[in-house]
Protein backbone atom coordinates (compact mmCIF):
# COMPACT_ATOMS: atom_id res chain seq x y z
CA MET A 1 69.04 6.67 -29.44
CA LYS A 2 65.52 5.49 -29.95
CA ILE A 3 63.40 6.16 -32.55
CA GLY A 4 59.70 5.99 -32.65
CA PHE A 5 57.71 3.86 -34.19
CA PHE A 6 53.72 3.91 -35.23
CA LYS A 7 51.83 0.37 -36.19
CA GLY A 8 55.64 -0.80 -37.49
CA VAL A 9 56.42 2.03 -39.39
CA LEU A 10 59.29 5.19 -38.60
CA ILE A 11 57.31 7.65 -37.75
CA MET A 12 57.99 11.32 -36.91
CA ASN A 13 57.67 13.34 -33.57
CA LEU A 14 55.72 16.42 -33.44
CA CYS A 15 57.28 19.18 -31.45
CA ILE A 16 55.44 22.70 -30.64
CA PHE A 17 58.31 25.40 -30.10
CA GLU A 18 58.14 29.04 -29.26
CA ASP A 19 59.98 32.06 -30.88
CA ASN A 20 60.65 35.35 -29.71
CA GLY A 21 57.38 36.64 -31.47
CA TYR A 22 55.82 35.61 -27.97
CA THR A 23 57.19 39.12 -26.95
CA LYS A 24 54.79 40.60 -29.25
CA LEU A 25 52.15 38.81 -27.33
CA LEU A 26 52.29 39.64 -23.97
CA PRO A 27 50.63 40.32 -21.30
CA LEU A 28 48.87 36.82 -22.73
CA THR A 29 52.28 35.13 -22.48
CA TYR A 30 53.55 36.09 -19.17
CA LEU A 31 52.09 32.92 -17.67
CA ARG A 32 51.94 30.46 -20.59
CA PRO A 33 53.84 29.35 -23.78
CA VAL A 34 52.49 31.14 -26.77
CA TYR A 35 50.35 27.87 -27.97
CA ASP A 36 48.60 27.69 -25.30
CA LEU A 37 46.03 30.86 -26.25
CA ARG A 38 42.55 30.38 -27.74
CA CYS A 39 41.62 31.49 -31.40
CA GLY A 40 38.36 29.77 -32.45
CA ILE A 41 37.11 27.17 -30.51
CA ASN A 42 40.22 25.42 -29.74
CA THR A 43 43.90 26.42 -28.15
CA ILE A 44 46.44 26.61 -31.20
CA ARG A 45 48.36 23.50 -29.39
CA GLU A 46 45.32 21.55 -29.98
CA LYS A 47 44.68 22.95 -33.80
CA ILE A 48 48.18 21.30 -34.22
CA VAL A 49 48.26 18.41 -32.07
CA ARG A 50 44.69 17.47 -34.07
CA ALA A 51 46.52 17.66 -37.41
CA TYR A 52 49.05 14.98 -36.85
CA PRO A 53 46.97 12.26 -34.71
CA GLY A 54 48.71 9.91 -33.07
CA LEU A 55 52.32 11.26 -33.42
CA PRO A 56 54.02 11.37 -29.40
CA VAL A 57 54.36 15.35 -28.93
CA SER A 58 56.80 17.60 -27.04
CA LEU A 59 56.35 21.27 -26.37
CA LEU A 60 59.14 23.79 -26.23
CA CYS A 61 58.92 26.75 -23.81
CA ARG A 62 61.10 29.13 -22.24
CA ASP A 63 62.40 27.87 -19.20
CA TYR A 64 60.73 29.74 -16.36
CA LEU A 65 57.47 28.17 -17.57
CA LYS A 66 58.47 24.70 -17.85
CA GLU A 67 57.47 23.55 -14.21
CA VAL A 68 53.56 24.58 -14.37
CA LEU A 69 53.73 23.10 -18.19
CA LYS A 70 54.85 19.99 -16.68
CA GLU A 71 52.40 19.86 -13.82
CA ASP A 72 49.37 20.77 -15.92
CA ASN A 73 50.73 17.99 -19.11
CA PRO A 74 52.05 15.03 -16.82
CA GLY A 75 53.48 12.19 -19.02
CA LEU A 76 54.00 15.05 -22.07
CA ARG A 77 57.73 15.59 -22.93
CA ILE A 78 58.80 19.32 -21.89
CA ASN A 79 62.08 20.74 -23.42
CA TYR A 80 63.34 17.54 -24.10
CA LEU A 81 63.72 15.92 -27.69
CA PRO A 82 65.34 12.42 -27.01
CA GLU A 83 64.28 11.54 -30.76
CA ASP A 84 66.08 11.30 -33.86
CA ARG A 85 62.85 12.71 -36.20
CA TYR A 86 60.83 15.49 -35.42
CA LEU A 87 58.70 17.97 -37.10
CA PHE A 88 58.88 21.71 -35.86
CA VAL A 89 55.68 23.34 -35.83
CA ASN A 90 55.58 27.08 -34.25
CA GLY A 91 53.36 27.74 -31.73
CA ARG A 92 52.05 30.90 -33.36
CA VAL A 93 50.65 29.30 -36.41
CA LEU A 94 46.95 28.30 -37.21
CA PHE A 95 48.03 24.89 -38.55
CA GLU A 96 45.48 24.39 -41.50
CA ASP A 97 45.15 21.45 -44.15
CA ASN A 98 46.75 24.04 -47.10
CA LEU A 99 49.79 24.30 -44.29
CA LYS A 100 50.04 20.29 -43.69
CA LYS A 101 49.94 19.60 -47.11
CA SER A 102 53.04 21.77 -48.20
CA ILE A 103 55.32 20.23 -45.70
CA ASN A 104 56.79 16.76 -46.65
CA LEU A 105 57.64 14.58 -43.68
CA GLU A 106 60.25 12.28 -45.28
CA SER A 107 63.04 15.14 -46.17
CA GLU A 108 64.43 17.86 -43.75
CA GLY A 109 63.93 20.86 -44.49
CA VAL A 110 62.95 23.99 -42.97
CA TYR A 111 59.48 26.44 -44.08
CA LEU A 112 59.75 29.84 -43.85
CA GLN A 113 57.72 32.94 -44.17
CA ASP A 114 59.06 36.10 -44.35
CA ASN A 115 62.33 34.71 -42.72
CA SER A 116 60.31 33.49 -40.05
CA VAL A 117 60.51 29.69 -39.42
CA ILE A 118 56.72 28.19 -39.72
CA ALA A 119 57.69 24.69 -39.67
CA ALA A 120 60.94 22.28 -39.59
CA VAL A 121 61.58 18.63 -40.88
CA VAL A 122 64.80 18.15 -38.65
CA LYS A 123 66.72 15.04 -37.88
CA GLY A 124 69.88 13.29 -36.68
CA ASP A 125 72.66 16.00 -36.48
CA ASN A 126 70.56 19.01 -36.97
CA LEU A 127 69.07 18.67 -33.86
CA LYS A 128 72.18 19.49 -31.90
CA PRO A 129 71.83 23.29 -32.58
CA ILE A 130 68.29 22.92 -31.15
CA ARG A 131 68.98 20.98 -28.24
CA ARG A 132 71.00 23.45 -27.08
CA LYS A 133 69.05 25.93 -26.76
CA LEU A 134 66.47 23.98 -25.02
CA GLY A 135 64.45 26.74 -22.76
CA GLN A 136 65.06 29.73 -24.86
CA PRO A 137 62.66 30.52 -28.01
CA LEU A 138 63.70 29.19 -31.17
CA GLU A 139 64.79 31.36 -34.60
CA ARG A 140 65.68 31.28 -38.03
CA GLU A 141 69.72 30.37 -37.38
CA ASP A 142 68.84 27.02 -35.31
CA PHE A 143 68.05 25.73 -38.21
CA LYS A 144 70.63 26.83 -40.62
CA GLY A 145 71.86 23.95 -43.26
CA LEU A 146 68.72 22.45 -44.24
CA PRO A 147 66.95 23.03 -47.38
CA VAL A 148 64.42 25.80 -47.29
CA HIS A 149 61.15 26.31 -48.83
CA GLY A 150 58.72 29.14 -48.64
CA VAL A 151 55.22 28.62 -47.44
CA LYS A 152 52.35 30.42 -46.85
CA ALA A 153 50.64 30.25 -43.35
CA LYS A 154 48.31 32.20 -40.93
CA GLN A 155 50.64 33.45 -38.27
CA LEU A 156 49.50 35.56 -35.20
CA ASP A 157 51.97 38.34 -34.16
CA TYR A 158 49.91 40.53 -32.30
CA THR A 159 46.55 40.06 -30.34
CA TRP A 160 44.74 41.61 -32.40
CA ASP A 161 45.61 39.11 -35.51
CA PHE A 162 43.73 36.52 -33.07
CA ILE A 163 40.39 38.79 -33.15
CA HIS A 164 40.81 39.27 -36.41
CA HIS A 165 41.15 35.41 -36.99
CA ASN A 166 38.66 34.44 -34.76
CA SER A 167 35.33 34.36 -36.25
CA GLY A 168 37.06 32.50 -39.13
CA GLN A 169 38.54 29.98 -36.44
CA ILE A 170 35.03 29.24 -34.96
CA LYS A 171 34.32 28.28 -38.29
CA GLU A 172 37.18 25.97 -38.98
CA ASP A 173 36.94 24.27 -35.42
CA PHE A 174 33.52 23.72 -36.31
CA LYS A 175 33.59 22.10 -39.26
CA VAL A 176 36.37 20.25 -37.88
CA LEU A 177 34.79 18.77 -35.32
CA SER A 178 31.79 17.68 -37.09
CA ARG A 179 29.18 18.05 -34.42
CA GLY A 180 26.55 20.83 -36.19
CA GLY A 181 22.52 19.86 -35.75
CA ILE A 182 23.84 17.69 -32.36
CA ILE A 183 21.46 18.88 -29.88
CA ALA A 184 22.73 16.80 -26.70
CA GLY A 185 21.65 18.79 -23.94
CA GLY A 186 18.46 20.55 -22.58
CA VAL A 187 16.67 23.33 -24.45
CA TYR A 188 13.47 24.59 -23.04
CA GLU A 189 10.53 25.39 -24.46
CA GLY A 190 10.71 28.79 -25.74
CA VAL A 191 14.07 29.13 -26.61
CA SER A 192 14.53 30.68 -30.52
CA ILE A 193 16.59 28.37 -33.24
CA LEU A 194 17.79 29.63 -36.35
CA GLU A 195 19.53 27.26 -38.70
CA ARG A 196 19.48 24.23 -36.53
CA SER A 197 22.36 22.10 -38.34
CA ASN A 198 24.78 24.73 -37.71
CA ILE A 199 24.01 24.53 -34.01
CA TYR A 200 25.77 22.35 -31.74
CA ILE A 201 24.61 21.75 -27.62
CA ALA A 202 26.85 19.29 -25.69
CA GLU A 203 25.10 16.73 -22.77
CA ASP A 204 24.62 19.11 -19.39
CA ALA A 205 24.37 21.99 -21.54
CA GLN A 206 21.29 24.14 -21.13
CA VAL A 207 19.80 26.82 -22.72
CA LYS A 208 16.84 28.37 -21.27
CA PRO A 209 13.48 29.83 -22.51
CA GLY A 210 13.56 33.13 -24.40
CA VAL A 211 16.95 33.14 -25.44
CA ILE A 212 17.76 33.45 -29.35
CA LEU A 213 20.22 31.68 -31.32
CA ASP A 214 21.16 32.52 -34.25
CA ALA A 215 23.26 30.75 -36.17
CA GLU A 216 22.57 31.65 -39.84
CA ASN A 217 25.89 33.70 -40.48
CA GLY A 218 28.08 31.32 -38.30
CA PRO A 219 27.86 27.84 -36.45
CA ILE A 220 27.35 28.09 -32.58
CA PHE A 221 29.23 25.67 -30.26
CA ILE A 222 27.83 25.43 -27.09
CA ASP A 223 30.24 22.49 -24.95
CA LYS A 224 29.10 20.38 -22.35
CA GLY A 225 28.07 21.95 -18.69
CA ALA A 226 27.53 25.53 -20.25
CA LYS A 227 24.22 27.45 -19.46
CA VAL A 228 22.37 30.24 -21.14
CA LEU A 229 20.36 31.83 -19.31
CA PRO A 230 16.88 33.43 -20.28
CA ASN A 231 16.45 35.93 -22.62
CA ALA A 232 20.11 35.84 -24.06
CA THR A 233 21.00 36.47 -27.50
CA ILE A 234 23.93 34.44 -29.53
CA ILE A 235 24.62 35.34 -32.62
CA GLY A 236 27.30 32.82 -34.45
CA PRO A 237 29.81 32.29 -35.28
CA ALA A 238 30.28 31.74 -31.49
CA PHE A 239 31.64 29.77 -28.82
CA VAL A 240 30.59 29.04 -25.30
CA GLY A 241 33.04 26.67 -23.36
CA ALA A 242 32.04 23.74 -20.90
CA GLY A 243 30.92 25.58 -17.51
CA SER A 244 30.19 28.70 -19.00
CA THR A 245 27.11 30.53 -18.36
CA VAL A 246 25.92 33.42 -20.10
CA LYS A 247 23.93 35.59 -18.18
CA VAL A 248 20.40 36.78 -18.71
CA GLY A 249 19.65 38.90 -21.24
CA ALA A 250 23.30 39.49 -22.53
CA LYS A 251 23.72 40.05 -25.96
CA ILE A 252 26.63 38.17 -27.78
CA TYR A 253 27.78 39.02 -31.02
CA GLU A 254 29.57 37.21 -33.55
CA GLY A 255 33.26 36.36 -33.39
CA SER A 256 33.03 35.73 -29.70
CA SER A 257 34.85 33.24 -27.98
CA PHE A 258 34.34 31.83 -23.99
CA GLY A 259 36.74 29.13 -22.83
CA GLU A 260 35.85 27.43 -19.91
CA VAL A 261 34.03 28.05 -16.80
CA CYS A 262 33.58 31.66 -17.66
CA LYS A 263 30.31 34.28 -16.90
CA VAL A 264 29.74 36.47 -19.56
CA GLY A 265 26.99 39.26 -19.66
CA GLY A 266 26.25 42.35 -20.81
CA GLU A 267 27.24 42.87 -24.86
CA VAL A 268 30.20 41.06 -26.11
CA GLU A 269 31.77 41.64 -29.71
CA GLU A 270 34.56 39.83 -31.65
CA SER A 271 36.09 39.01 -28.28
CA ILE A 272 37.96 36.10 -26.33
CA ILE A 273 37.99 35.23 -22.90
CA HIS A 274 40.36 32.53 -22.33
CA SER A 275 38.99 30.77 -19.82
CA TYR A 276 38.43 31.00 -15.81
CA SER A 277 37.15 34.39 -16.51
CA ASN A 278 33.95 36.71 -15.61
CA LYS A 279 32.13 39.88 -17.40
CA GLN A 280 29.40 38.77 -16.12
CA HIS A 281 27.56 42.41 -15.55
CA ASP A 282 26.47 45.30 -17.99
CA GLY A 283 28.65 46.92 -19.65
CA PHE A 284 31.00 46.74 -23.39
CA LEU A 285 33.69 44.08 -24.35
CA GLY A 286 34.43 44.66 -28.08
CA HIS A 287 37.89 43.41 -30.11
CA ALA A 288 38.93 42.23 -26.93
CA TYR A 289 41.19 39.19 -25.68
CA LEU A 290 41.03 38.34 -21.80
CA GLY A 291 43.56 36.23 -20.02
CA GLN A 292 42.39 33.73 -17.21
CA TRP A 293 41.34 34.75 -13.54
CA VAL A 294 40.43 38.16 -14.96
CA ASN A 295 37.26 40.21 -13.23
CA LEU A 296 35.29 43.08 -15.04
CA GLY A 297 33.20 44.64 -12.56
CA ALA A 298 29.93 46.04 -13.25
CA GLY A 299 29.79 48.68 -15.76
CA THR A 300 33.22 48.31 -17.70
CA ASN A 301 33.39 49.13 -21.27
CA ASN A 302 36.37 49.28 -23.39
CA SER A 303 36.07 51.07 -26.51
CA ASP A 304 36.90 49.30 -29.61
CA LEU A 305 36.70 52.37 -32.22
CA LYS A 306 38.19 55.76 -32.54
CA ASN A 307 35.69 58.80 -32.86
CA ASN A 308 37.57 59.68 -36.47
CA TYR A 309 37.74 56.06 -37.34
CA GLY A 310 41.43 55.51 -37.77
CA THR A 311 43.14 52.69 -37.38
CA VAL A 312 43.88 52.27 -33.82
CA LYS A 313 47.79 52.38 -31.70
CA VAL A 314 48.90 49.54 -29.60
CA PRO A 315 51.51 49.64 -26.70
CA VAL A 316 53.81 46.74 -27.36
CA ASN A 317 57.21 46.15 -25.66
CA GLY A 318 57.36 50.13 -24.83
CA LYS A 319 56.20 51.45 -28.53
CA ILE A 320 53.11 52.22 -30.14
CA ILE A 321 52.32 50.13 -32.77
CA ASP A 322 50.25 51.01 -35.84
CA SER A 323 47.40 47.80 -35.48
CA GLY A 324 46.16 48.76 -39.12
CA SER A 325 42.31 48.24 -37.73
CA MET A 326 39.70 50.19 -37.16
CA PHE A 327 38.59 47.74 -34.24
CA VAL A 328 41.09 46.95 -31.67
CA GLY A 329 39.59 46.95 -28.28
CA ALA A 330 41.71 45.77 -24.78
CA THR A 331 44.00 43.11 -23.82
CA ILE A 332 43.96 41.76 -19.91
CA GLY A 333 46.51 39.92 -18.72
CA ASP A 334 46.19 36.92 -15.98
CA HIS A 335 44.53 37.59 -12.80
CA SER A 336 43.84 40.97 -13.44
CA LYS A 337 40.59 43.15 -12.37
CA THR A 338 38.64 46.33 -13.02
CA GLY A 339 36.49 48.76 -10.40
CA ILE A 340 32.69 49.15 -11.17
CA ASN A 341 32.29 51.72 -13.85
CA THR A 342 35.70 51.33 -15.38
CA MET A 343 36.65 53.14 -19.18
CA LEU A 344 39.02 51.67 -21.19
CA ASN A 345 40.28 53.20 -24.22
CA THR A 346 40.87 52.23 -27.78
CA GLY A 347 43.56 49.53 -27.45
CA THR A 348 44.51 49.49 -24.07
CA VAL A 349 46.88 46.84 -22.40
CA ILE A 350 47.28 45.69 -18.55
CA GLY A 351 49.68 43.76 -17.68
CA VAL A 352 48.90 39.94 -15.47
CA PHE A 353 47.55 41.05 -11.66
CA SER A 354 46.62 44.04 -11.60
CA ASN A 355 43.32 46.07 -10.33
CA VAL A 356 42.54 49.04 -12.62
CA PHE A 357 39.41 51.43 -11.11
CA GLY A 358 38.43 55.45 -10.92
CA ALA A 359 36.28 57.28 -12.77
CA GLU A 360 38.12 58.59 -15.62
CA PHE A 361 40.24 56.77 -18.40
CA PRO A 362 43.33 55.22 -16.87
CA PRO A 363 46.82 55.05 -19.20
CA LYS A 364 46.71 52.85 -22.10
CA PHE A 365 49.34 50.89 -20.82
CA ILE A 366 49.35 49.24 -17.25
CA PRO A 367 52.46 47.55 -16.08
CA SER A 368 52.14 43.92 -14.87
CA PHE A 369 51.45 43.95 -10.49
CA SER A 370 49.93 47.76 -10.38
CA TRP A 371 47.27 49.03 -8.27
CA GLY A 372 45.27 52.09 -9.35
CA GLY A 373 43.68 54.35 -11.99
CA ALA A 374 43.92 57.34 -13.97
CA GLU A 375 44.60 59.52 -10.85
CA GLY A 376 48.01 57.63 -10.21
CA PHE A 377 49.61 53.72 -9.40
CA ILE A 378 51.07 51.89 -7.13
CA GLU A 379 52.74 49.03 -6.98
CA HIS A 380 50.47 45.79 -6.51
CA GLU A 381 52.44 44.08 -3.42
CA PHE A 382 53.11 40.73 -4.60
CA ASP A 383 52.36 38.79 -1.76
CA LYS A 384 48.95 40.70 -1.58
CA ALA A 385 48.40 40.01 -5.56
CA VAL A 386 48.98 36.06 -4.83
CA ALA A 387 46.38 35.91 -1.98
CA SER A 388 43.99 37.75 -3.83
CA ALA A 389 44.73 35.02 -6.60
CA ARG A 390 44.33 32.14 -4.18
CA CYS A 391 41.09 32.85 -2.92
CA VAL A 392 39.71 33.03 -6.68
CA LEU A 393 40.95 30.20 -7.45
CA GLU A 394 40.00 28.38 -4.04
CA ARG A 395 36.23 29.83 -5.48
CA ARG A 396 36.54 27.36 -8.09
CA ASP A 397 38.06 24.43 -6.47
CA LYS A 398 41.97 25.58 -8.06
CA GLU A 399 44.98 25.80 -5.53
CA ILE A 400 48.21 27.86 -6.39
CA THR A 401 50.62 25.50 -6.33
CA PRO A 402 54.46 25.99 -5.27
CA GLN A 403 55.07 25.77 -8.96
CA MET A 404 52.70 28.48 -9.85
CA ALA A 405 53.89 30.47 -7.03
CA ARG A 406 57.46 30.32 -7.97
CA LEU A 407 56.24 31.04 -11.67
CA TYR A 408 54.30 34.61 -10.23
CA ARG A 409 57.34 35.62 -8.53
CA HIS A 410 59.74 35.35 -11.53
CA VAL A 411 57.07 37.32 -13.34
CA PHE A 412 56.64 39.81 -11.01
CA GLU A 413 60.57 40.18 -11.21
CA MET A 414 61.03 40.56 -14.76
CA THR A 415 57.82 43.03 -15.01
CA GLU A 416 59.47 45.57 -12.01
CA PRO A 417 61.63 47.40 -14.76
CA GLN A 418 58.12 48.68 -16.52
CA ARG A 419 56.76 49.88 -12.89
CA GLU A 420 60.07 51.38 -12.04
CA ALA A 421 60.09 53.08 -15.92
CA LEU A 422 56.98 54.77 -14.26
CA ASN A 423 57.57 55.67 -11.08
CA PHE A 424 56.26 53.23 -8.95
């Protein structure tokens, strides 16, 4: 069997895997592996790969995601482990230097936190049980027989964990990327910059007159081709992704990350918008996570704090989980939309391909492929849902490939019991 070499030295191969913890991060993980979620400036996968530059990378995912993941990552090995030495890293782990220092690449072993596999070094015959599980989440028993080491790591168990860590991760990513004080884009006269050394404005980015960039308490990273329109305020730590637009007069508070090609306006606080999503009108978004291709209608507001200041309870996999946090907003899956003036309660979860509208608060859990509001829901017909998505993607010069269409169909069928349980 072929063994990897780097500059003539036998090396480890890096493999990022999913475990069953992805189920607690639905609906955000219906259409992507957990490690492709964003926290801070970068995705989890990008942070892990960055920690081991030069190592060949393999990705393990649920079998139904494999075709689309291959399409999006040509040249990468997906659910394929041909080599003889691997470092496995859990795709729910925020990989930082202290964790890297705890892992010995020279010796086989599994690194656990509360019986959850954080990482493992595996060679030779010990790879056989893992190869038998390709296309399925890996668990503790798949690494049995290896020496066990305890380790401390930041593991993301629920969507609100992403929000909790987002400010710190923006700071950490900003430090690693080492671009503070670089102003390469266009900054117009009349822009107010606080703590220039804590700000990066990339090539082709534009920051228009009247904008306030306040980086006194955390960095601000404005990526290539992004636009910040007049009179917007951004308070760091904050990230504005490539090609994204912060609208006129927007109020962006600390702990907010917007991925590529988003349009963001109104008031946003401690929220993550993965990429290619729009919240461009007035309205409040707080302690929330939006997937891709989400659109919030004008005046959409989500509550992130209960009137009694109690901890927020969130529907997760058919159970109500106490988040232990006073601040939890909405989680909205890919391709979902809200109508104008939609109100969302604390801890609301909306699945993928749903359309929510109406004057009153809808339920806190809305299954994927739902259509309606407080007065009731019907099923969002698959063909109509995909037709709408196709229009949205075409506006961004994207297309729905056959692989994507099969993935959407699979998720539609997989989530049907949730809709049946609510009698629609």
